[in-house]
Amino acid sequence: MKGTFADRVWSAEAYRDNVARSRRQLELLRRPVKAIPRGKYRTYLAPAAVSELVLMLSWSCLSEAAIRQGGSPMELLRSGEKQLSPLFSLRENFSRGLVPQFNENGEMAPDQLPLIERGKLVNTIVNGRTAQEYGLKSNGANQSEDLRAADVTPGNLDPRDILQALDTGLYVSNLHYLNWSDRPKGRITGMTRYACFWVENGEIVAPIEDLRFDESLFNFWGDNLIVLTNRSELVPAVDTYEHRELGGTWTPGMLVGDFTYTS
């Protein structure tokens, strides 16, 4: 299993709780593994898993240039052909101070930039080049127009009640190897990873074998989104490709109905 702990203010109590949760999950991994057949399952995705899904929105998705040039699923949201749940809101939040607020050209982004509010696309990520090309106003985005300070608004589920709310289904701690399987339609594929479990009647029964999922963001952030936890966690960026990444995402956990697993 794998866990991370990060915040802007040190809390020994929060750190001890994080380690205790990891130890409990490690003990549960000693149980016999349960094979799960392909299908649709009620699923709880922990903040680390939600963060992986949010970061997919940086891949030619919330970029204004990507929408204008075709291929972004956000065109379906902008046109009204698709919609997301009013429970889902996303913003760029530089006020937390995790990354520089300026881009490569020294342009400043606003402290906060709402992108999706209660399921509706209200802004996109626009750099100076895109602004000139399409006669728009830049909001200080970087060259690739990706997310730099993603912050998902929490919901109202107490983390202590996660298993009871899940009832029967899958508890997914982490995801990896994500990619678009059909970007224009918002379909994402990837794998479960590390401590993931089968839950019955609000109790963890067994760890599971790794599963591949293939699901549309218009489903898991749309009609199938049941609830978000009432507290976001900082999932730090730990990539070291060419350099050490800065920042991270602030994400709650989320409970989803009928999440599709293909193998």
C-alpha atoms as a PDB file:
ATOM      1  CA  MET A   1       0.000   0.000   0.000  1.00  0.00           C
ATOM      2  CA  LYS A   2       1.033   3.618  -0.378  1.00  0.00           C
ATOM      3  CA  GLY A   3       0.001   6.809   1.344  1.00  0.00           C
ATOM      4  CA  THR A   4       1.059  10.431   1.355  1.00  0.00           C
ATOM      5  CA  PHE A   5       0.686  13.184   3.910  1.00  0.00           C
ATOM      6  CA  ALA A   6       0.932  16.886   3.098  1.00  0.00           C
ATOM      7  CA  ASP A   7      -0.607  20.135   4.274  1.00  0.00           C
ATOM      8  CA  ARG A   8       0.200  23.804   4.656  1.00  0.00           C
ATOM      9  CA  VAL A   9       0.166  23.588   8.470  1.00  0.00           C
ATOM     10  CA  TRP A  10       1.753  20.792  10.512  1.00  0.00           C
ATOM     11  CA  SER A  11      -0.605  18.683  12.627  1.00  0.00           C
ATOM     12  CA  ALA A  12       0.833  15.810  14.641  1.00  0.00           C
ATOM     13  CA  GLU A  13      -2.685  14.476  15.236  1.00  0.00           C
ATOM     14  CA  ALA A  14      -3.513  14.438  11.511  1.00  0.00           C
ATOM     15  CA  TYR A  15      -0.195  12.750  10.784  1.00  0.00           C
ATOM     16  CA  ARG A  16      -0.835  10.039  13.400  1.00  0.00           C
ATOM     17  CA  ASP A  17      -4.333   9.485  11.984  1.00  0.00           C
ATOM     18  CA  ASN A  18      -2.881   9.083   8.503  1.00  0.00           C
ATOM     19  CA  VAL A  19      -0.321   6.519   9.671  1.00  0.00           C
ATOM     20  CA  ALA A  20      -2.960   4.653  11.693  1.00  0.00           C
ATOM     21  CA  ARG A  21      -5.231   4.432   8.633  1.00  0.00           C
ATOM     22  CA  SER A  22      -2.332   3.071   6.579  1.00  0.00           C
ATOM     23  CA  ARG A  23      -1.571   0.454   9.228  1.00  0.00           C
ATOM     24  CA  ARG A  24      -5.209  -0.678   9.309  1.00  0.00           C
ATOM     25  CA  GLN A  25      -5.234  -1.065   5.538  1.00  0.00           C
ATOM     26  CA  LEU A  26      -1.941  -2.955   5.639  1.00  0.00           C
ATOM     27  CA  GLU A  27      -3.451  -5.453   8.083  1.00  0.00           C
ATOM     28  CA  LEU A  28      -6.480  -5.877   5.801  1.00  0.00           C
ATOM     29  CA  LEU A  29      -4.156  -6.718   2.897  1.00  0.00           C
ATOM     30  CA  ARG A  30      -3.206  -9.921   4.731  1.00  0.00           C
ATOM     31  CA  ARG A  31      -6.649 -11.353   3.958  1.00  0.00           C
ATOM     32  CA  PRO A  32      -7.164 -13.605   0.894  1.00  0.00           C
ATOM     33  CA  VAL A  33      -7.548 -11.628  -2.336  1.00  0.00           C
ATOM     34  CA  LYS A  34     -10.997 -11.518  -3.923  1.00  0.00           C
ATOM     35  CA  ALA A  35     -11.334 -11.615  -7.720  1.00  0.00           C
ATOM     36  CA  ILE A  36     -13.947  -9.141  -8.975  1.00  0.00           C
ATOM     37  CA  PRO A  37     -15.667  -9.854 -12.325  1.00  0.00           C
ATOM     38  CA  ARG A  38     -15.946  -7.061 -14.866  1.00  0.00           C
ATOM     39  CA  GLY A  39     -19.027  -4.924 -14.471  1.00  0.00           C
ATOM     40  CA  LYS A  40     -20.419  -1.779 -12.864  1.00  0.00           C
ATOM     41  CA  TYR A  41     -19.928  -1.301  -9.127  1.00  0.00           C
ATOM     42  CA  ARG A  42     -20.757   1.280  -6.528  1.00  0.00           C
ATOM     43  CA  THR A  43     -17.331   2.738  -5.758  1.00  0.00           C
ATOM     44  CA  TYR A  44     -15.678   5.025  -3.240  1.00  0.00           C
ATOM     45  CA  LEU A  45     -12.619   6.790  -4.656  1.00  0.00           C
ATOM     46  CA  ALA A  46     -10.243   8.206  -2.053  1.00  0.00           C
ATOM     47  CA  PRO A  47      -8.723  11.700  -2.552  1.00  0.00           C
ATOM     48  CA  ALA A  48      -5.550  10.300  -4.160  1.00  0.00           C
ATOM     49  CA  ALA A  49      -7.674   8.480  -6.760  1.00  0.00           C
ATOM     50  CA  VAL A  50      -9.839  11.541  -7.376  1.00  0.00           C
ATOM     51  CA  SER A  51      -6.674  13.609  -7.866  1.00  0.00           C
ATOM     52  CA  GLU A  52      -5.574  11.320 -10.708  1.00  0.00           C
ATOM     53  CA  LEU A  53      -8.917  11.858 -12.452  1.00  0.00           C
ATOM     54  CA  VAL A  54      -8.749  15.630 -11.948  1.00  0.00           C
ATOM     55  CA  LEU A  55      -5.263  15.778 -13.453  1.00  0.00           C
ATOM     56  CA  MET A  56      -6.626  14.223 -16.648  1.00  0.00           C
ATOM     57  CA  LEU A  57      -8.434  17.540 -17.196  1.00  0.00           C
ATOM     58  CA  SER A  58      -4.998  19.022 -17.950  1.00  0.00           C
ATOM     59  CA  TRP A  59      -4.631  16.804 -21.000  1.00  0.00           C
ATOM     60  CA  SER A  60      -6.211  18.921 -23.747  1.00  0.00           C
ATOM     61  CA  CYS A  61      -9.441  19.246 -21.822  1.00  0.00           C
ATOM     62  CA  LEU A  62      -9.954  22.554 -19.965  1.00  0.00           C
ATOM     63  CA  SER A  63      -7.575  24.326 -22.351  1.00  0.00           C
ATOM     64  CA  GLU A  64      -9.390  26.934 -24.459  1.00  0.00           C
ATOM     65  CA  ALA A  65      -7.125  26.143 -27.416  1.00  0.00           C
ATOM     66  CA  ALA A  66      -7.979  22.427 -27.173  1.00  0.00           C
ATOM     67  CA  ILE A  67     -11.701  23.209 -27.174  1.00  0.00           C
ATOM     68  CA  ARG A  68     -11.407  25.546 -30.173  1.00  0.00           C
ATOM     69  CA  GLN A  69      -9.261  23.079 -32.119  1.00  0.00           C
ATOM     70  CA  GLY A  70     -11.554  20.111 -31.426  1.00  0.00           C
ATOM     71  CA  GLY A  71     -11.104  16.969 -29.394  1.00  0.00           C
ATOM     72  CA  SER A  72     -11.824  18.286 -25.898  1.00  0.00           C
ATOM     73  CA  PRO A  73     -14.796  16.768 -24.053  1.00  0.00           C
ATOM     74  CA  MET A  74     -15.501  20.214 -22.591  1.00  0.00           C
ATOM     75  CA  GLU A  75     -17.010  21.184 -25.950  1.00  0.00           C
ATOM     76  CA  LEU A  76     -19.919  18.872 -25.063  1.00  0.00           C
ATOM     77  CA  LEU A  77     -20.306  20.694 -21.757  1.00  0.00           C
ATOM     78  CA  ARG A  78     -20.065  24.126 -23.349  1.00  0.00           C
ATOM     79  CA  SER A  79     -22.641  23.266 -26.012  1.00  0.00           C
ATOM     80  CA  GLY A  80     -25.054  21.821 -23.464  1.00  0.00           C
ATOM     81  CA  GLU A  81     -25.009  18.367 -25.071  1.00  0.00           C
ATOM     82  CA  LYS A  82     -23.644  16.932 -21.822  1.00  0.00           C
ATOM     83  CA  GLN A  83     -23.825  18.090 -18.238  1.00  0.00           C
ATOM     84  CA  LEU A  84     -22.137  17.389 -14.923  1.00  0.00           C
ATOM     85  CA  SER A  85     -23.603  17.013 -11.462  1.00  0.00           C
ATOM     86  CA  PRO A  86     -24.360  20.193  -9.473  1.00  0.00           C
ATOM     87  CA  LEU A  87     -22.321  18.508  -6.722  1.00  0.00           C
ATOM     88  CA  PHE A  88     -19.106  19.003  -8.738  1.00  0.00           C
ATOM     89  CA  SER A  89     -17.193  22.303  -8.711  1.00  0.00           C
ATOM     90  CA  LEU A  90     -13.555  22.888  -9.693  1.00  0.00           C
ATOM     91  CA  ARG A  91     -11.358  25.973  -9.571  1.00  0.00           C
ATOM     92  CA  GLU A  92      -7.761  27.032  -9.902  1.00  0.00           C
ATOM     93  CA  ASN A  93      -6.820  28.283  -6.439  1.00  0.00           C
ATOM     94  CA  PHE A  94      -3.468  30.080  -6.289  1.00  0.00           C
ATOM     95  CA  SER A  95      -4.321  31.650  -2.934  1.00  0.00           C
ATOM     96  CA  ARG A  96      -3.095  28.483  -1.194  1.00  0.00           C
ATOM     97  CA  GLY A  97       0.432  29.454  -2.235  1.00  0.00           C
ATOM     98  CA  LEU A  98       1.609  26.060  -3.476  1.00  0.00           C
ATOM     99  CA  VAL A  99       2.798  27.182  -6.934  1.00  0.00           C
ATOM    100  CA  PRO A 100       3.870  30.484  -8.506  1.00  0.00           C
ATOM    101  CA  GLN A 101       0.943  32.606  -9.642  1.00  0.00           C
ATOM    102  CA  PHE A 102       2.824  33.815 -12.749  1.00  0.00           C
ATOM    103  CA  ASN A 103       3.434  31.950 -16.012  1.00  0.00           C
ATOM    104  CA  GLU A 104       6.545  31.682 -18.240  1.00  0.00           C
ATOM    105  CA  ASN A 105       5.953  35.205 -19.587  1.00  0.00           C
ATOM    106  CA  GLY A 106       5.451  36.786 -16.181  1.00  0.00           C
ATOM    107  CA  GLU A 107       1.674  37.134 -16.595  1.00  0.00           C
ATOM    108  CA  MET A 108      -0.266  36.834 -13.357  1.00  0.00           C
ATOM    109  CA  ALA A 109      -3.183  34.491 -12.914  1.00  0.00           C
ATOM    110  CA  PRO A 110      -6.072  35.544 -10.649  1.00  0.00           C
ATOM    111  CA  ASP A 111      -5.993  34.316  -7.045  1.00  0.00           C
ATOM    112  CA  GLN A 112      -8.919  32.063  -7.878  1.00  0.00           C
ATOM    113  CA  LEU A 113     -10.378  31.065 -11.225  1.00  0.00           C
ATOM    114  CA  PRO A 114     -13.650  29.085 -11.167  1.00  0.00           C
ATOM    115  CA  LEU A 115     -13.689  26.566 -14.018  1.00  0.00           C
ATOM    116  CA  ILE A 116     -16.705  24.355 -13.300  1.00  0.00           C
ATOM    117  CA  GLU A 117     -19.365  25.638 -10.921  1.00  0.00           C
ATOM    118  CA  ARG A 118     -22.118  23.273  -9.827  1.00  0.00           C
ATOM    119  CA  GLY A 119     -21.615  21.206 -12.966  1.00  0.00           C
ATOM    120  CA  LYS A 120     -21.469  24.108 -15.435  1.00  0.00           C
ATOM    121  CA  LEU A 121     -18.398  25.219 -17.397  1.00  0.00           C
ATOM    122  CA  VAL A 122     -17.881  28.880 -16.450  1.00  0.00           C
ATOM    123  CA  ASN A 123     -14.247  29.463 -17.522  1.00  0.00           C
ATOM    124  CA  THR A 124     -11.460  27.757 -19.423  1.00  0.00           C
ATOM    125  CA  ILE A 125      -7.680  28.011 -19.113  1.00  0.00           C
ATOM    126  CA  VAL A 126      -6.409  30.704 -21.520  1.00  0.00           C
ATOM    127  CA  ASN A 127      -2.829  31.798 -22.166  1.00  0.00           C
ATOM    128  CA  GLY A 128      -1.663  34.880 -24.064  1.00  0.00           C
ATOM    129  CA  ARG A 129      -1.194  33.070 -27.384  1.00  0.00           C
ATOM    130  CA  THR A 130      -4.714  31.616 -27.364  1.00  0.00           C
ATOM    131  CA  ALA A 131      -6.106  34.989 -26.297  1.00  0.00           C
ATOM    132  CA  GLN A 132      -4.503  36.704 -29.306  1.00  0.00           C
ATOM    133  CA  GLU A 133      -5.559  33.977 -31.726  1.00  0.00           C
ATOM    134  CA  TYR A 134      -9.233  34.020 -30.745  1.00  0.00           C
ATOM    135  CA  GLY A 135      -9.710  37.552 -29.493  1.00  0.00           C
ATOM    136  CA  LEU A 136     -10.062  36.570 -25.851  1.00  0.00           C
ATOM    137  CA  LYS A 137      -8.639  37.729 -22.542  1.00  0.00           C
ATOM    138  CA  SER A 138      -5.773  35.728 -21.040  1.00  0.00           C
ATOM    139  CA  ASN A 139      -6.108  34.484 -17.481  1.00  0.00           C
ATOM    140  CA  GLY A 140      -2.374  33.926 -17.025  1.00  0.00           C
ATOM    141  CA  ALA A 141      -2.265  30.269 -18.060  1.00  0.00           C
ATOM    142  CA  ASN A 142       1.010  28.558 -18.904  1.00  0.00           C
ATOM    143  CA  GLN A 143       2.036  27.482 -22.415  1.00  0.00           C
ATOM    144  CA  SER A 144       0.234  24.138 -22.219  1.00  0.00           C
ATOM    145  CA  GLU A 145      -2.910  25.586 -20.622  1.00  0.00           C
ATOM    146  CA  ASP A 146      -3.037  22.915 -17.933  1.00  0.00           C
ATOM    147  CA  LEU A 147      -4.134  22.918 -14.303  1.00  0.00           C
ATOM    148  CA  ARG A 148      -1.564  24.253 -11.855  1.00  0.00           C
ATOM    149  CA  ALA A 149      -3.574  24.707  -8.649  1.00  0.00           C
ATOM    150  CA  ALA A 150      -6.623  22.454  -8.924  1.00  0.00           C
ATOM    151  CA  ASP A 151      -9.083  22.636  -6.037  1.00  0.00           C
ATOM    152  CA  VAL A 152     -12.292  20.546  -5.950  1.00  0.00           C
ATOM    153  CA  THR A 153     -15.056  21.819  -3.665  1.00  0.00           C
ATOM    154  CA  PRO A 154     -15.892  19.291  -0.919  1.00  0.00           C
ATOM    155  CA  GLY A 155     -19.363  17.892  -0.218  1.00  0.00           C
ATOM    156  CA  ASN A 156     -21.059  16.796   2.999  1.00  0.00           C
ATOM    157  CA  LEU A 157     -20.039  13.159   3.656  1.00  0.00           C
ATOM    158  CA  ASP A 158     -18.153  12.703   6.925  1.00  0.00           C
ATOM    159  CA  PRO A 159     -15.056  10.541   6.211  1.00  0.00           C
ATOM    160  CA  ARG A 160     -15.992   8.419   9.243  1.00  0.00           C
ATOM    161  CA  ASP A 161     -19.155   7.380   7.406  1.00  0.00           C
ATOM    162  CA  ILE A 162     -17.541   6.349   4.109  1.00  0.00           C
ATOM    163  CA  LEU A 163     -17.938   2.580   4.488  1.00  0.00           C
ATOM    164  CA  GLN A 164     -21.537   2.877   5.676  1.00  0.00           C
ATOM    165  CA  ALA A 165     -22.366   5.134   2.739  1.00  0.00           C
ATOM    166  CA  LEU A 166     -20.636   2.775   0.310  1.00  0.00           C
ATOM    167  CA  ASP A 167     -22.509  -0.193   1.807  1.00  0.00           C
ATOM    168  CA  THR A 168     -21.490  -2.797  -0.805  1.00  0.00           C
ATOM    169  CA  GLY A 169     -18.954  -2.128  -3.539  1.00  0.00           C
ATOM    170  CA  LEU A 170     -15.340  -1.146  -4.097  1.00  0.00           C
ATOM    171  CA  TYR A 171     -13.084   1.047  -1.969  1.00  0.00           C
ATOM    172  CA  VAL A 172     -10.372   2.423  -4.287  1.00  0.00           C
ATOM    173  CA  SER A 173      -7.377   4.096  -2.632  1.00  0.00           C
ATOM    174  CA  ASN A 174      -5.301   4.863  -5.721  1.00  0.00           C
ATOM    175  CA  LEU A 175      -5.394   4.831  -9.511  1.00  0.00           C
ATOM    176  CA  HIS A 176      -2.555   4.775 -12.037  1.00  0.00           C
ATOM    177  CA  TYR A 177      -1.735   4.469 -15.746  1.00  0.00           C
ATOM    178  CA  LEU A 178      -4.601   6.785 -16.676  1.00  0.00           C
ATOM    179  CA  ASN A 179      -5.164   7.800 -20.280  1.00  0.00           C
ATOM    180  CA  TRP A 180      -7.960   8.915 -22.562  1.00  0.00           C
ATOM    181  CA  SER A 181      -9.733   6.011 -24.220  1.00  0.00           C
ATOM    182  CA  ASP A 182     -12.055   8.427 -26.065  1.00  0.00           C
ATOM    183  CA  ARG A 183     -11.122  12.015 -25.304  1.00  0.00           C
ATOM    184  CA  PRO A 184     -13.881  13.784 -27.303  1.00  0.00           C
ATOM    185  CA  LYS A 185     -16.458  11.797 -25.308  1.00  0.00           C
ATOM    186  CA  GLY A 186     -14.615  12.176 -22.014  1.00  0.00           C
ATOM    187  CA  ARG A 187     -13.806   8.477 -21.521  1.00  0.00           C
ATOM    188  CA  ILE A 188     -10.845   7.684 -19.269  1.00  0.00           C
ATOM    189  CA  THR A 189      -9.148   4.343 -18.716  1.00  0.00           C
ATOM    190  CA  GLY A 190      -6.729   3.304 -15.979  1.00  0.00           C
ATOM    191  CA  MET A 191      -5.982   0.779 -13.252  1.00  0.00           C
ATOM    192  CA  THR A 192      -6.710   0.444  -9.554  1.00  0.00           C
ATOM    193  CA  ARG A 193      -3.575   0.397  -7.423  1.00  0.00           C
ATOM    194  CA  TYR A 194      -2.280  -0.369  -3.936  1.00  0.00           C
ATOM    195  CA  ALA A 195      -4.788  -0.831  -1.108  1.00  0.00           C
ATOM    196  CA  CYS A 196      -8.169  -1.406  -2.800  1.00  0.00           C
ATOM    197  CA  PHE A 197     -10.892  -3.480  -1.171  1.00  0.00           C
ATOM    198  CA  TRP A 198     -14.241  -5.205  -1.597  1.00  0.00           C
ATOM    199  CA  VAL A 199     -16.806  -3.936   0.924  1.00  0.00           C
ATOM    200  CA  GLU A 200     -20.030  -5.653   1.991  1.00  0.00           C
ATOM    201  CA  ASN A 201     -22.669  -4.117   4.255  1.00  0.00           C
ATOM    202  CA  GLY A 202     -20.312  -1.342   5.306  1.00  0.00           C
ATOM    203  CA  GLU A 203     -17.425  -3.663   6.240  1.00  0.00           C
ATOM    204  CA  ILE A 204     -14.174  -4.311   4.370  1.00  0.00           C
ATOM    205  CA  VAL A 205     -14.181  -7.994   3.400  1.00  0.00           C
ATOM    206  CA  ALA A 206     -11.083  -8.528   1.255  1.00  0.00           C
ATOM    207  CA  PRO A 207      -8.404  -6.866  -0.867  1.00  0.00           C
ATOM    208  CA  ILE A 208      -9.000  -7.100  -4.606  1.00  0.00           C
ATOM    209  CA  GLU A 209      -6.915  -7.926  -7.639  1.00  0.00           C
ATOM    210  CA  ASP A 210      -6.011  -4.936  -9.809  1.00  0.00           C
ATOM    211  CA  LEU A 211      -8.869  -3.885 -12.079  1.00  0.00           C
ATOM    212  CA  ARG A 212      -8.955  -1.830 -15.268  1.00  0.00           C
ATOM    213  CA  PHE A 213     -11.676   0.773 -15.506  1.00  0.00           C
ATOM    214  CA  ASP A 214     -13.060   2.612 -18.527  1.00  0.00           C
ATOM    215  CA  GLU A 215     -15.541   5.316 -17.651  1.00  0.00           C
ATOM    216  CA  SER A 216     -16.776   8.711 -18.840  1.00  0.00           C
ATOM    217  CA  LEU A 217     -16.253  11.809 -16.726  1.00  0.00           C
ATOM    218  CA  PHE A 218     -19.832  12.713 -17.688  1.00  0.00           C
ATOM    219  CA  ASN A 219     -20.889   9.677 -15.653  1.00  0.00           C
ATOM    220  CA  PHE A 220     -18.685   9.749 -12.540  1.00  0.00           C
ATOM    221  CA  TRP A 221     -18.898  13.555 -12.249  1.00  0.00           C
ATOM    222  CA  GLY A 222     -22.402  13.518 -13.700  1.00  0.00           C
ATOM    223  CA  ASP A 223     -25.504  11.499 -12.854  1.00  0.00           C
ATOM    224  CA  ASN A 224     -23.517   8.770 -11.064  1.00  0.00           C
ATOM    225  CA  LEU A 225     -21.869  11.123  -8.563  1.00  0.00           C
ATOM    226  CA  ILE A 226     -23.564  10.433  -5.231  1.00  0.00           C
ATOM    227  CA  VAL A 227     -21.621  12.515  -2.707  1.00  0.00           C
ATOM    228  CA  LEU A 228     -18.217  14.057  -1.948  1.00  0.00           C
ATOM    229  CA  THR A 229     -16.535  13.985   1.445  1.00  0.00           C
ATOM    230  CA  ASN A 230     -16.717  17.158   3.509  1.00  0.00           C
ATOM    231  CA  ARG A 231     -12.958  17.615   3.708  1.00  0.00           C
ATOM    232  CA  SER A 232     -10.384  18.005   0.933  1.00  0.00           C
ATOM    233  CA  GLU A 233      -6.860  16.628   1.214  1.00  0.00           C
ATOM    234  CA  LEU A 234      -3.715  17.979  -0.379  1.00  0.00           C
ATOM    235  CA  VAL A 235      -2.357  15.366  -2.786  1.00  0.00           C
ATOM    236  CA  PRO A 236       1.152  16.675  -3.473  1.00  0.00           C
ATOM    237  CA  ALA A 237       2.800  16.580  -6.885  1.00  0.00           C
ATOM    238  CA  VAL A 238       5.751  14.214  -6.541  1.00  0.00           C
ATOM    239  CA  ASP A 239       6.799  13.765 -10.193  1.00  0.00           C
ATOM    240  CA  THR A 240      10.495  14.211 -10.999  1.00  0.00           C
ATOM    241  CA  TYR A 241      10.512  14.144 -14.803  1.00  0.00           C
ATOM    242  CA  GLU A 242      13.371  16.551 -15.704  1.00  0.00           C
ATOM    243  CA  HIS A 243      12.700  18.490 -12.493  1.00  0.00           C
ATOM    244  CA  ARG A 244      10.844  18.253  -9.195  1.00  0.00           C
ATOM    245  CA  GLU A 245       7.213  19.272  -9.611  1.00  0.00           C
ATOM    246  CA  LEU A 246       5.622  21.885  -7.377  1.00  0.00           C
ATOM    247  CA  GLY A 247       2.168  22.072  -5.860  1.00  0.00           C
ATOM    248  CA  GLY A 248      -0.546  19.462  -5.866  1.00  0.00           C
ATOM    249  CA  THR A 249      -4.316  19.121  -5.961  1.00  0.00           C
ATOM    250  CA  TRP A 250      -6.879  19.673  -3.229  1.00  0.00           C
ATOM    251  CA  THR A 251      -9.478  16.942  -3.573  1.00  0.00           C
ATOM    252  CA  PRO A 252     -12.138  15.268  -1.430  1.00  0.00           C
ATOM    253  CA  GLY A 253     -13.068  11.606  -1.720  1.00  0.00           C
ATOM    254  CA  MET A 254     -16.153  10.764  -3.766  1.00  0.00           C
ATOM    255  CA  LEU A 255     -18.808   8.068  -3.843  1.00  0.00           C
ATOM    256  CA  VAL A 256     -19.962   7.012  -7.314  1.00  0.00           C
ATOM    257  CA  GLY A 257     -22.652   4.623  -8.490  1.00  0.00           C
ATOM    258  CA  ASP A 258     -22.116   2.168 -11.373  1.00  0.00           C
ATOM    259  CA  PHE A 259     -18.406   2.801 -12.035  1.00  0.00           C
ATOM    260  CA  THR A 260     -17.394   0.623 -15.004  1.00  0.00           C
ATOM    261  CA  TYR A 261     -14.605  -1.967 -14.686  1.00  0.00           C
ATOM    262  CA  THR A 262     -13.655  -3.749 -17.888  1.00  0.00           C
ATOM    263  CA  SER A 263     -11.214  -6.407 -16.622  1.00  0.00           C
END
